[in-house]
Amino acid sequence: MTSKSDTAVNSHEDSSAPVQRLAACVEYDGARYHGWQSLKSGLPTIQAEVEKALSIVADHPVSVVCAGRTDAGVHGSNQIIHFDTPSIRPMRGWCFGGNTKLPDSIALRWVKPVDPEFHARFSAQWRRYRYVIYNGPIRPAHLAKGVTWNHRPLDVSRMQQAAKYLEGQHDFTSYRAVQCQAKNPVRHIMHLNVNRYGEMIVIDVKANAFLHHMIRNIAGVLMTIGCGKREPVWAKEVLDARDRAKGGVTAPPWGLYFAQVGYPEQFELPELMPGPMFISPLLDTPGN
């Protein structure tokens, strides 16, 4: 016999239950996925796997919204999502329950309730990516799809000099993909830093938003300059041309990480190191 208390406990199954908005942080290795966004073709994507796992925990279909969609092969350290649900679960249940249903290449780092006004994409004030280059003569076996390998010696001082031309607000037409659908090519880069840590070089870029392939095109230009094929001022010449055909080679996706998103303090989201995990202890110590 079902008691009234049992009915109350199972009230999340009642379609009339109030809907709450939850935010979550997703970490993923994008090497085997065809990007973030779900595809009608059924090819594997991060979004499809996350929605499938959360739908099992929620016991109803769940749709998620992300802070920034990533392309095929691109990784995520702190991708932020939100979803709505009438289901009542402990936050630990959402996180650990979701992770038991996710493949090893995807993990929820935290889940928490947020104000209904919170929106993973539209509430974001800035986004941050990191592009990790392994700069050595022999290709690496470890992290083969976690870094981009460049065998040519790269001069980081030249790359940093070139990067400074791109900071600030500019028309980044030359640095976006031809198929980019953004109506406005103007973006504001808050910082664009290039640093070496042994054989690792990290391009760290923070902006209000990004265009399709924008960071990979910037990385391609900076590596061309770093190996001595072009002078640092070429980065500005490409920018001023406002012509993608002048922009050089698009760098591979393997070293690119969606690292961090900034939101107003009122939403009280947890703060984690930007990542990726294997490089963040070097980058995120005091003084770096």
Protein backbone atom coordinates (compact mmCIF):
# COMPACT_ATOMS: atom_id res chain seq x y z
CA MET A 1 0.00 0.00 0.00
CA THR A 2 1.37 3.42 -0.98
CA SER A 3 1.36 6.02 1.80
CA LYS A 4 0.95 9.78 1.42
CA SER A 5 4.61 10.21 2.31
CA ASP A 6 5.60 7.87 -0.53
CA THR A 7 3.52 9.95 -2.90
CA ALA A 8 5.31 13.12 -1.76
CA VAL A 9 8.73 11.55 -2.27
CA ASN A 10 7.82 10.57 -5.83
CA SER A 11 6.25 13.93 -6.68
CA HIS A 12 8.99 14.58 -9.26
CA GLU A 13 7.12 12.21 -11.55
CA ASP A 14 4.09 14.52 -11.48
CA SER A 15 3.97 16.61 -14.65
CA SER A 16 2.46 19.48 -12.62
CA ALA A 17 5.57 19.75 -10.40
CA PRO A 18 7.39 23.11 -10.60
CA VAL A 19 10.28 23.28 -13.04
CA GLN A 20 13.73 24.22 -11.75
CA ARG A 21 16.73 25.36 -13.76
CA LEU A 22 20.05 23.60 -13.16
CA ALA A 23 23.50 24.61 -14.35
CA ALA A 24 26.34 22.14 -14.81
CA CYS A 25 29.99 22.06 -15.82
CA VAL A 26 31.03 19.51 -18.45
CA GLU A 27 34.56 18.31 -19.16
CA TYR A 28 35.22 16.29 -22.31
CA ASP A 29 37.79 14.83 -24.66
CA GLY A 30 36.40 15.76 -28.05
CA ALA A 31 38.73 13.60 -30.16
CA ARG A 32 36.14 10.96 -31.11
CA TYR A 33 33.15 13.29 -31.35
CA HIS A 34 31.76 15.34 -34.21
CA GLY A 35 31.60 18.48 -32.12
CA TRP A 36 29.27 19.63 -29.35
CA GLN A 37 25.96 20.03 -31.16
CA SER A 38 23.63 17.09 -31.74
CA LEU A 39 23.37 16.03 -35.39
CA LYS A 40 20.41 14.66 -37.32
CA SER A 41 22.77 12.11 -38.85
CA GLY A 42 23.16 10.45 -35.46
CA LEU A 43 26.95 10.81 -35.47
CA PRO A 44 28.39 10.95 -31.92
CA THR A 45 28.39 14.40 -30.30
CA ILE A 46 28.97 15.69 -26.78
CA GLN A 47 25.48 17.19 -26.48
CA ALA A 48 23.78 13.93 -27.47
CA GLU A 49 25.71 11.95 -24.83
CA VAL A 50 25.06 14.52 -22.08
CA GLU A 51 21.35 14.74 -22.85
CA LYS A 52 21.03 10.95 -22.93
CA ALA A 53 22.70 10.60 -19.52
CA LEU A 54 20.74 13.40 -17.84
CA SER A 55 17.48 12.11 -19.31
CA ILE A 56 18.06 8.77 -17.56
CA VAL A 57 18.70 10.49 -14.22
CA ALA A 58 15.72 12.83 -14.67
CA ASP A 59 13.42 10.07 -15.95
CA HIS A 60 12.25 12.39 -18.74
CA PRO A 61 13.81 13.84 -21.94
CA VAL A 62 16.31 16.60 -21.13
CA SER A 63 17.55 19.29 -23.52
CA VAL A 64 20.66 21.27 -22.62
CA VAL A 65 21.97 24.67 -23.70
CA CYS A 66 25.74 25.30 -23.71
CA ALA A 67 27.91 28.39 -23.30
CA GLY A 68 29.73 27.84 -26.57
CA ARG A 69 29.52 25.11 -29.21
CA THR A 70 32.83 23.43 -30.03
CA ASP A 71 33.85 21.82 -33.32
CA ALA A 72 34.82 18.24 -34.07
CA GLY A 73 37.96 17.22 -32.19
CA VAL A 74 37.88 20.22 -29.82
CA HIS A 75 37.99 19.55 -26.06
CA GLY A 76 36.25 21.14 -23.09
CA SER A 77 37.54 21.79 -19.57
CA ASN A 78 34.77 24.01 -18.22
CA GLN A 79 31.87 23.94 -20.66
CA ILE A 80 28.82 25.36 -18.87
CA ILE A 81 25.30 24.15 -19.64
CA HIS A 82 21.82 24.64 -18.26
CA PHE A 83 18.67 22.53 -18.41
CA ASP A 84 15.17 22.62 -16.94
CA THR A 85 13.52 19.79 -15.06
CA PRO A 86 10.64 19.12 -12.64
CA SER A 87 12.56 16.14 -11.24
CA ILE A 88 13.91 16.43 -7.70
CA ARG A 89 17.31 14.88 -7.13
CA PRO A 90 20.20 15.68 -4.77
CA MET A 91 22.89 17.65 -6.59
CA ARG A 92 25.26 14.77 -5.90
CA GLY A 93 22.73 12.48 -7.56
CA TRP A 94 22.64 14.59 -10.72
CA CYS A 95 26.42 14.73 -10.94
CA PHE A 96 27.43 11.22 -9.94
CA GLY A 97 24.35 9.62 -11.47
CA GLY A 98 24.98 11.42 -14.74
CA ASN A 99 28.63 10.37 -14.77
CA THR A 100 27.74 6.70 -14.38
CA LYS A 101 25.75 7.01 -17.62
CA LEU A 102 28.37 8.99 -19.53
CA PRO A 103 31.31 7.52 -21.49
CA ASP A 104 34.77 7.88 -19.95
CA SER A 105 35.57 10.76 -22.29
CA ILE A 106 32.85 13.01 -20.78
CA ALA A 107 32.29 14.01 -17.14
CA LEU A 108 30.06 16.35 -15.17
CA ARG A 109 32.23 18.33 -12.74
CA TRP A 110 29.39 19.95 -10.78
CA VAL A 111 25.63 20.54 -10.94
CA LYS A 112 23.72 23.22 -9.02
CA PRO A 113 20.37 25.02 -9.06
CA VAL A 114 20.40 28.51 -10.55
CA ASP A 115 18.05 31.44 -10.96
CA PRO A 116 15.53 30.89 -13.79
CA GLU A 117 17.02 33.97 -15.46
CA PHE A 118 20.38 32.24 -15.90
CA HIS A 119 21.21 31.27 -19.47
CA ALA A 120 24.41 29.37 -20.24
CA ARG A 121 24.94 31.23 -23.51
CA PHE A 122 23.30 34.64 -23.15
CA SER A 123 24.35 35.28 -19.54
CA ALA A 124 28.03 34.72 -20.38
CA GLN A 125 30.17 37.86 -20.25
CA TRP A 126 33.31 36.31 -21.74
CA ARG A 127 34.77 33.01 -22.87
CA ARG A 128 38.30 31.66 -22.69
CA TYR A 129 40.12 29.07 -24.78
CA ARG A 130 43.57 27.54 -24.57
CA TYR A 131 45.47 26.09 -27.51
CA VAL A 132 48.22 23.67 -26.48
CA ILE A 133 51.17 22.97 -28.79
CA TYR A 134 53.78 20.27 -28.26
CA ASN A 135 56.89 21.78 -29.80
CA GLY A 136 59.41 18.97 -30.20
CA PRO A 137 61.15 17.16 -33.07
CA ILE A 138 59.35 13.82 -32.49
CA ARG A 139 55.58 13.43 -32.39
CA PRO A 140 54.20 12.52 -28.95
CA ALA A 141 52.53 9.18 -28.27
CA HIS A 142 50.79 10.43 -25.14
CA LEU A 143 48.15 13.13 -25.68
CA ALA A 144 48.33 12.50 -29.42
CA LYS A 145 44.86 14.04 -29.78
CA GLY A 146 45.24 16.30 -26.73
CA VAL A 147 47.87 18.61 -28.18
CA THR A 148 48.88 19.91 -31.59
CA TRP A 149 52.37 18.77 -32.58
CA ASN A 150 54.65 21.24 -34.35
CA HIS A 151 58.14 19.90 -35.05
CA ARG A 152 59.62 23.24 -36.16
CA PRO A 153 61.28 25.29 -33.38
CA LEU A 154 58.86 28.08 -32.45
CA ASP A 155 60.02 31.45 -31.13
CA VAL A 156 57.50 32.36 -28.44
CA SER A 157 58.70 35.97 -28.21
CA ARG A 158 57.80 36.49 -31.90
CA MET A 159 54.43 34.84 -31.37
CA GLN A 160 53.67 37.03 -28.33
CA GLN A 161 54.67 40.16 -30.24
CA ALA A 162 52.28 39.20 -33.03
CA ALA A 163 49.49 38.36 -30.57
CA LYS A 164 49.48 41.92 -29.20
CA TYR A 165 48.26 43.22 -32.56
CA LEU A 166 45.07 41.19 -32.12
CA GLU A 167 44.12 42.33 -28.62
CA GLY A 168 41.24 44.79 -28.32
CA GLN A 169 38.14 45.19 -30.49
CA HIS A 170 38.56 44.42 -34.19
CA ASP A 171 36.84 43.09 -37.28
CA PHE A 172 38.09 39.48 -37.38
CA THR A 173 36.83 38.61 -40.86
CA SER A 174 40.30 37.35 -41.84
CA TYR A 175 40.37 35.05 -38.82
CA ARG A 176 37.00 33.35 -39.21
CA ALA A 177 35.92 30.41 -41.33
CA VAL A 178 34.42 31.16 -44.73
CA GLN A 179 31.25 29.30 -43.64
CA CYS A 180 30.95 31.29 -40.38
CA GLN A 181 27.32 32.37 -39.96
CA ALA A 182 27.84 35.18 -37.42
CA LYS A 183 26.23 38.39 -38.65
CA ASN A 184 28.88 40.61 -37.05
CA PRO A 185 32.62 39.79 -37.36
CA VAL A 186 33.62 42.29 -34.64
CA ARG A 187 34.93 40.72 -31.43
CA HIS A 188 36.81 42.05 -28.40
CA ILE A 189 39.88 40.06 -27.31
CA MET A 190 40.64 40.89 -23.67
CA HIS A 191 43.93 39.03 -23.61
CA LEU A 192 45.96 36.87 -25.98
CA ASN A 193 49.01 35.41 -24.26
CA VAL A 194 51.61 32.96 -25.58
CA ASN A 195 53.89 31.17 -23.09
CA ARG A 196 56.27 28.23 -23.17
CA TYR A 197 56.47 25.54 -20.48
CA GLY A 198 59.30 23.23 -21.50
CA GLU A 199 58.21 21.68 -24.80
CA MET A 200 54.63 22.87 -24.33
CA ILE A 201 53.47 26.21 -25.74
CA VAL A 202 50.09 27.53 -24.63
CA ILE A 203 48.06 30.17 -26.46
CA ASP A 204 45.60 31.59 -23.91
CA VAL A 205 42.85 33.82 -25.29
CA LYS A 206 39.90 35.50 -23.58
CA ALA A 207 37.19 37.40 -25.48
CA ASN A 208 33.57 38.44 -25.25
CA ALA A 209 32.78 35.83 -27.93
CA PHE A 210 34.45 33.96 -30.78
CA LEU A 211 33.83 33.34 -34.47
CA HIS A 212 33.89 29.96 -36.20
CA HIS A 213 37.50 28.68 -36.36
CA MET A 214 38.73 32.04 -35.02
CA ILE A 215 41.20 30.60 -32.51
CA ARG A 216 42.47 27.88 -34.83
CA ASN A 217 43.11 30.53 -37.50
CA ILE A 218 44.89 32.74 -34.98
CA ALA A 219 46.98 29.75 -33.89
CA GLY A 220 47.88 29.00 -37.50
CA VAL A 221 49.10 32.58 -38.05
CA LEU A 222 51.05 32.64 -34.78
CA MET A 223 52.81 29.33 -35.51
CA THR A 224 53.73 30.57 -39.00
CA ILE A 225 55.29 33.64 -37.39
CA GLY A 226 56.89 31.59 -34.61
CA CYS A 227 58.80 29.40 -37.07
CA GLY A 228 60.17 32.45 -38.89
CA LYS A 229 58.19 32.24 -42.13
CA ARG A 230 56.55 35.60 -41.49
CA GLU A 231 57.29 38.68 -39.38
CA PRO A 232 55.12 39.48 -36.32
CA VAL A 233 53.45 42.43 -38.08
CA TRP A 234 51.90 39.92 -40.50
CA ALA A 235 49.26 39.18 -37.85
CA LYS A 236 48.10 42.81 -38.16
CA GLU A 237 48.32 42.77 -41.95
CA VAL A 238 46.04 39.72 -42.02
CA LEU A 239 43.65 41.44 -39.60
CA ASP A 240 43.51 44.65 -41.64
CA ALA A 241 42.90 42.77 -44.91
CA ARG A 242 39.48 41.56 -43.73
CA ASP A 243 39.84 38.68 -46.16
CA ARG A 244 39.98 35.05 -45.03
CA ALA A 245 42.06 34.17 -48.10
CA LYS A 246 44.90 36.23 -46.59
CA GLY A 247 44.76 34.40 -43.27
CA GLY A 248 46.99 31.38 -43.72
CA VAL A 249 46.46 27.81 -42.56
CA THR A 250 43.80 26.76 -40.06
CA ALA A 251 45.52 24.94 -37.18
CA PRO A 252 44.29 21.43 -36.22
CA PRO A 253 41.57 21.07 -33.56
CA TRP A 254 43.48 18.66 -31.31
CA GLY A 255 45.13 21.18 -29.01
CA LEU A 256 42.11 23.43 -28.53
CA TYR A 257 40.27 23.52 -25.18
CA PHE A 258 37.15 25.47 -24.18
CA ALA A 259 38.70 26.52 -20.89
CA GLN A 260 36.45 28.90 -18.96
CA VAL A 261 33.33 31.08 -19.05
CA GLY A 262 32.64 34.24 -17.05
CA TYR A 263 29.22 35.04 -15.58
CA PRO A 264 27.88 37.78 -13.28
CA GLU A 265 28.63 37.06 -9.61
CA GLN A 266 24.90 37.02 -8.80
CA PHE A 267 24.63 33.48 -10.25
CA GLU A 268 27.24 32.15 -7.77
CA LEU A 269 28.68 29.46 -10.02
CA PRO A 270 31.64 27.42 -8.72
CA GLU A 271 35.05 28.56 -9.92
CA LEU A 272 37.44 25.88 -11.20
CA MET A 273 40.88 26.10 -12.79
CA PRO A 274 40.50 26.77 -16.52
CA GLY A 275 42.36 23.64 -17.60
CA PRO A 276 43.21 21.46 -19.37
CA MET A 277 44.02 19.38 -16.32
CA PHE A 278 47.47 18.29 -17.46
CA ILE A 279 48.69 21.86 -18.03
CA SER A 280 46.70 23.99 -15.56
CA PRO A 281 49.08 23.46 -12.59
CA LEU A 282 51.74 25.25 -14.65
CA LEU A 283 49.52 28.02 -15.94
CA ASP A 284 47.35 28.75 -12.93
CA THR A 285 49.95 29.11 -10.19
CA PRO A 286 50.58 32.57 -8.68
CA GLY A 287 52.54 34.80 -11.04
CA ASN A 288 51.31 33.17 -14.27
